[in-house]
Amino acid sequence: MAARGSADVASVRDIVDRLRERIGSGEIPIGDWIRQEQVAREYGVSRTPVREALRQLEALGVVEMVAHRGARVTLPSTRDIAEALEIRGVLEGHAAQLAADRITQAQLDVLTGTDGTFRRVVALARDPGAQDEARELWYRTNTLFHATVVEAAGNRQLTASLDALHHRLPRNLTWTGLSGDPRLLSRNADDHAAIAAAIGEGAGERARLLTLEHARRAAEMILVRRA
């Protein structure tokens, strides 16, 4: 009996972690419904651990439970978005400043290597039939870029703080502000290239300020779309 209880706890923890990752990555978008039956089938478990996992996610503010409807990925308020993006910009700016001193050549190669992919996204965005491909490619590349900067910063508490923010406000929310506009995407690519260059040159303060400005523009675009 004790063994079964331990297995159930492990299942709940695993479901919580996997759903948080899928929500944070944008695979399950903000506002989408999470069906207990579907999750149970996907993970090969009963509905009981899924129900408990969703309760835990509700306590974390990741989902909301709606009577007779189920669980829905929380749609943050405009204030929540503005405040979270402000803090995220400060934290990512600090990460960029640290990375300028600590980055390895391999990590720098990853950052500079994203530029060509960001430019590819701009080209795809000009094709009405390639919008989904553009969005997915941008998301993967954007995630890789910022994750590499945070990794290069080498501060575990900073990493944990940003992870918590991303679970509450997925990074791909920025795409709603960019909205597939080639002009905005080109500026977005320029931002990333400038941040990578500053980090590569060891210019920590410039990297921090560029990252803050990058985050500020993203926040403005998102909030304009929400208005």
Foldseek 3Di string as FASTA:
>chain_A
DVVVVVVLVVVLVVLLVVVLVCDLLCVQDAFHFDDLVVSCVVVVHDSVSVVVSLVVCVVLVQWDQDPPGGIGGHDDDLVLLLVLLLVLLQLLLQLLLLLLVQPDPVLLCLLQVLLVLLVVLLVQLVDPVRPVVSLVSVSVSVVSNSVSSNVRSVDPVSVVVNSSSSSNPHPSLLCLLVVSHSVSSVVLSVLSNQLSVCSPVSVSNSNSVSSSVSSVVSSVSSSVSVD
